[in-house]
N, C-alpha and C. Protein backbone atom coordinates (compact mmCIF):
# COMPACT_ATOMS: atom_id res chain seq x y z
N MET A 1 0.84 -1.17 0.00
CA MET A 1 0.00 0.00 0.00
C MET A 1 0.89 1.23 0.00
N ALA A 2 0.68 2.12 -0.94
CA ALA A 2 1.47 3.35 -1.02
C ALA A 2 0.91 4.38 -0.06
N VAL A 3 1.81 5.07 0.61
CA VAL A 3 1.40 6.10 1.55
C VAL A 3 1.94 7.43 1.06
N GLY A 4 1.05 8.37 0.81
CA GLY A 4 1.46 9.68 0.32
C GLY A 4 1.08 10.76 1.31
N THR A 5 1.64 11.94 1.13
CA THR A 5 1.30 13.07 1.99
C THR A 5 0.96 14.27 1.14
N ALA A 6 -0.14 14.19 0.42
CA ALA A 6 -0.56 15.28 -0.45
C ALA A 6 -1.36 16.30 0.35
N LEU A 7 -1.18 17.57 0.01
CA LEU A 7 -1.99 18.63 0.60
C LEU A 7 -3.20 18.83 -0.29
N LEU A 8 -4.36 18.88 0.30
CA LEU A 8 -5.59 18.99 -0.45
C LEU A 8 -6.06 20.44 -0.43
N ALA A 9 -6.09 21.06 -1.56
CA ALA A 9 -6.49 22.47 -1.66
C ALA A 9 -7.95 22.62 -1.27
N GLY A 10 -8.23 23.56 -0.38
CA GLY A 10 -9.59 23.83 0.03
C GLY A 10 -10.18 22.80 0.96
N ALA A 11 -9.41 21.81 1.37
CA ALA A 11 -9.96 20.75 2.22
C ALA A 11 -9.73 21.03 3.68
N GLY A 12 -9.09 22.13 4.02
CA GLY A 12 -8.88 22.46 5.42
C GLY A 12 -7.48 22.10 5.86
N SER A 13 -7.30 22.11 7.15
CA SER A 13 -5.98 21.89 7.73
C SER A 13 -5.72 20.41 7.90
N VAL A 14 -4.62 19.93 7.35
CA VAL A 14 -4.22 18.53 7.53
C VAL A 14 -2.86 18.54 8.19
N GLN A 15 -2.76 17.92 9.36
CA GLN A 15 -1.50 17.98 10.08
C GLN A 15 -1.30 16.74 10.94
N ALA A 16 -0.06 16.48 11.28
CA ALA A 16 0.29 15.42 12.22
C ALA A 16 0.68 16.08 13.52
N ALA A 17 0.22 15.53 14.62
CA ALA A 17 0.53 16.13 15.92
C ALA A 17 0.99 15.05 16.89
N GLY A 18 0.88 15.32 18.19
CA GLY A 18 1.40 14.45 19.24
C GLY A 18 0.96 13.01 19.18
N GLN A 19 1.63 12.18 19.94
CA GLN A 19 1.36 10.75 19.96
C GLN A 19 0.90 10.32 21.34
N SER A 20 0.15 9.22 21.38
CA SER A 20 -0.22 8.59 22.64
C SER A 20 0.05 7.10 22.50
N THR A 21 0.07 6.40 23.61
CA THR A 21 0.34 4.98 23.56
C THR A 21 -0.85 4.22 24.10
N GLY A 22 -0.86 2.90 23.92
CA GLY A 22 -1.93 2.06 24.44
C GLY A 22 -2.41 1.10 23.38
N ALA A 23 -2.57 -0.17 23.76
CA ALA A 23 -2.97 -1.21 22.83
C ALA A 23 -4.38 -0.99 22.32
N ASP A 24 -5.24 -0.39 23.12
CA ASP A 24 -6.63 -0.20 22.73
C ASP A 24 -6.92 1.22 22.28
N ALA A 25 -5.93 1.92 21.77
CA ALA A 25 -6.11 3.32 21.40
C ALA A 25 -7.22 3.50 20.37
N ALA A 26 -7.34 2.57 19.43
CA ALA A 26 -8.36 2.70 18.39
C ALA A 26 -9.77 2.61 18.97
N GLN A 27 -9.97 1.82 19.99
CA GLN A 27 -11.29 1.66 20.57
C GLN A 27 -11.62 2.73 21.61
N THR A 28 -10.63 3.49 22.06
CA THR A 28 -10.87 4.49 23.09
C THR A 28 -10.61 5.89 22.57
N ALA A 29 -10.97 6.13 21.32
CA ALA A 29 -10.76 7.43 20.70
C ALA A 29 -11.54 8.51 21.45
N PRO A 30 -10.96 9.68 21.58
CA PRO A 30 -11.63 10.75 22.32
C PRO A 30 -12.89 11.22 21.63
N ARG A 31 -13.92 11.50 22.39
CA ARG A 31 -15.18 12.01 21.84
C ARG A 31 -15.33 13.51 22.13
N ALA A 32 -14.49 14.06 22.97
CA ALA A 32 -14.59 15.46 23.37
C ALA A 32 -14.23 16.38 22.23
N GLN A 33 -14.81 17.54 22.23
CA GLN A 33 -14.47 18.56 21.24
C GLN A 33 -13.27 19.34 21.73
N LEU A 34 -12.33 19.61 20.84
CA LEU A 34 -11.15 20.39 21.15
C LEU A 34 -11.15 21.62 20.26
N ASP A 35 -11.41 22.79 20.84
CA ASP A 35 -11.45 24.04 20.08
C ASP A 35 -12.37 23.94 18.87
N GLY A 36 -13.49 23.26 19.01
CA GLY A 36 -14.45 23.12 17.91
C GLY A 36 -14.23 21.91 17.04
N TRP A 37 -13.08 21.24 17.15
CA TRP A 37 -12.79 20.05 16.36
C TRP A 37 -13.47 18.85 17.00
N GLU A 38 -14.10 17.99 16.20
CA GLU A 38 -14.77 16.80 16.68
C GLU A 38 -14.09 15.55 16.11
N TYR A 39 -13.90 14.56 16.97
CA TYR A 39 -13.35 13.27 16.52
C TYR A 39 -14.36 12.64 15.57
N GLU A 40 -13.86 12.10 14.45
CA GLU A 40 -14.74 11.48 13.45
C GLU A 40 -14.48 9.98 13.33
N ASN A 41 -13.21 9.56 13.18
CA ASN A 41 -12.89 8.16 12.95
C ASN A 41 -11.38 7.96 13.09
N TRP A 42 -10.91 6.71 12.97
CA TRP A 42 -9.48 6.42 13.03
C TRP A 42 -9.08 5.58 11.82
N TYR A 43 -7.77 5.67 11.45
CA TYR A 43 -7.24 4.99 10.27
C TYR A 43 -5.82 4.51 10.56
N PHE A 44 -5.36 3.56 9.75
CA PHE A 44 -4.02 3.01 9.93
C PHE A 44 -2.94 3.78 9.17
N SER A 45 -3.32 4.79 8.38
CA SER A 45 -2.31 5.58 7.68
C SER A 45 -2.80 7.01 7.48
N PHE A 46 -1.85 7.94 7.33
CA PHE A 46 -2.19 9.33 7.04
C PHE A 46 -2.96 9.43 5.74
N ASN A 47 -2.55 8.68 4.74
CA ASN A 47 -3.19 8.73 3.43
C ASN A 47 -4.67 8.34 3.53
N ASN A 48 -4.97 7.25 4.22
CA ASN A 48 -6.36 6.82 4.38
C ASN A 48 -7.17 7.87 5.12
N CYS A 49 -6.58 8.46 6.15
CA CYS A 49 -7.25 9.49 6.94
C CYS A 49 -7.55 10.71 6.08
N SER A 50 -6.57 11.19 5.34
CA SER A 50 -6.76 12.40 4.55
C SER A 50 -7.74 12.19 3.39
N VAL A 51 -7.73 11.01 2.79
CA VAL A 51 -8.69 10.72 1.72
C VAL A 51 -10.11 10.69 2.29
N ALA A 52 -10.29 10.05 3.44
CA ALA A 52 -11.61 10.00 4.07
C ALA A 52 -12.09 11.39 4.45
N GLY A 53 -11.21 12.21 4.99
CA GLY A 53 -11.57 13.57 5.36
C GLY A 53 -11.98 14.41 4.16
N SER A 54 -11.30 14.23 3.05
CA SER A 54 -11.60 15.03 1.86
C SER A 54 -12.94 14.64 1.24
N LYS A 55 -13.44 13.47 1.56
CA LYS A 55 -14.72 13.02 1.01
C LYS A 55 -15.92 13.42 1.86
N LEU A 56 -15.69 13.93 3.07
CA LEU A 56 -16.79 14.30 3.95
C LEU A 56 -17.52 15.53 3.42
N GLN A 57 -18.83 15.52 3.52
CA GLN A 57 -19.67 16.62 3.08
C GLN A 57 -20.09 17.45 4.29
N GLY A 58 -20.32 18.71 4.09
CA GLY A 58 -20.88 19.57 5.12
C GLY A 58 -19.94 19.92 6.27
N ILE A 59 -18.64 19.93 6.01
CA ILE A 59 -17.68 20.33 7.05
C ILE A 59 -16.89 21.53 6.55
N GLU A 60 -16.35 22.31 7.49
CA GLU A 60 -15.52 23.46 7.12
C GLU A 60 -14.09 23.02 6.82
N ALA A 61 -13.58 22.08 7.62
CA ALA A 61 -12.20 21.62 7.47
C ALA A 61 -12.04 20.29 8.18
N PHE A 62 -10.91 19.64 7.91
CA PHE A 62 -10.56 18.41 8.64
C PHE A 62 -9.07 18.40 8.91
N ARG A 63 -8.66 17.55 9.85
CA ARG A 63 -7.24 17.36 10.12
C ARG A 63 -7.01 15.92 10.57
N CYS A 64 -5.81 15.43 10.34
CA CYS A 64 -5.41 14.08 10.74
C CYS A 64 -4.28 14.19 11.74
N GLU A 65 -4.42 13.52 12.88
CA GLU A 65 -3.38 13.54 13.91
C GLU A 65 -2.92 12.12 14.19
N GLU A 66 -1.61 11.92 14.25
CA GLU A 66 -1.06 10.61 14.57
C GLU A 66 -1.10 10.44 16.08
N LYS A 67 -1.81 9.41 16.56
CA LYS A 67 -1.96 9.16 17.99
C LYS A 67 -1.03 8.06 18.48
N ALA A 68 -0.63 7.19 17.62
CA ALA A 68 0.35 6.13 17.90
C ALA A 68 0.94 5.76 16.54
N GLU A 69 2.00 5.00 16.55
CA GLU A 69 2.60 4.62 15.27
C GLU A 69 1.57 3.91 14.40
N HIS A 70 1.34 4.42 13.22
CA HIS A 70 0.38 3.87 12.25
C HIS A 70 -1.05 3.90 12.75
N LEU A 71 -1.40 4.90 13.56
CA LEU A 71 -2.78 5.08 14.01
C LEU A 71 -3.11 6.57 13.94
N TRP A 72 -3.97 6.94 13.03
CA TRP A 72 -4.32 8.33 12.76
C TRP A 72 -5.78 8.58 13.11
N TYR A 73 -6.05 9.71 13.78
CA TYR A 73 -7.41 10.12 14.12
C TYR A 73 -7.81 11.25 13.19
N LEU A 74 -9.03 11.16 12.68
CA LEU A 74 -9.59 12.19 11.83
C LEU A 74 -10.49 13.09 12.68
N TYR A 75 -10.22 14.40 12.63
CA TYR A 75 -11.03 15.40 13.31
C TYR A 75 -11.65 16.33 12.27
N VAL A 76 -12.88 16.77 12.52
CA VAL A 76 -13.56 17.67 11.59
C VAL A 76 -14.02 18.92 12.32
N LEU A 77 -14.12 19.99 11.57
CA LEU A 77 -14.66 21.25 12.05
C LEU A 77 -15.94 21.50 11.29
N ARG A 78 -17.05 21.51 12.01
CA ARG A 78 -18.36 21.66 11.35
C ARG A 78 -18.83 23.09 11.40
């Protein structure tokens, strides 16, 4: 599987940020809003996360944050 890091014009902010650890990180994703950003879903790669975010309708922007190695969380701003 190829992993790319393309910037999507007009799709909002896409970035990688801090990491967390834990075997069950995917099942315990945060539901809280952070500065208006809402957790949407998790993915095993940045590419999968950014593609999924770019396909969402009715959002202002999205971002992908790496929470553990090969575990990315998608956040949206509605």
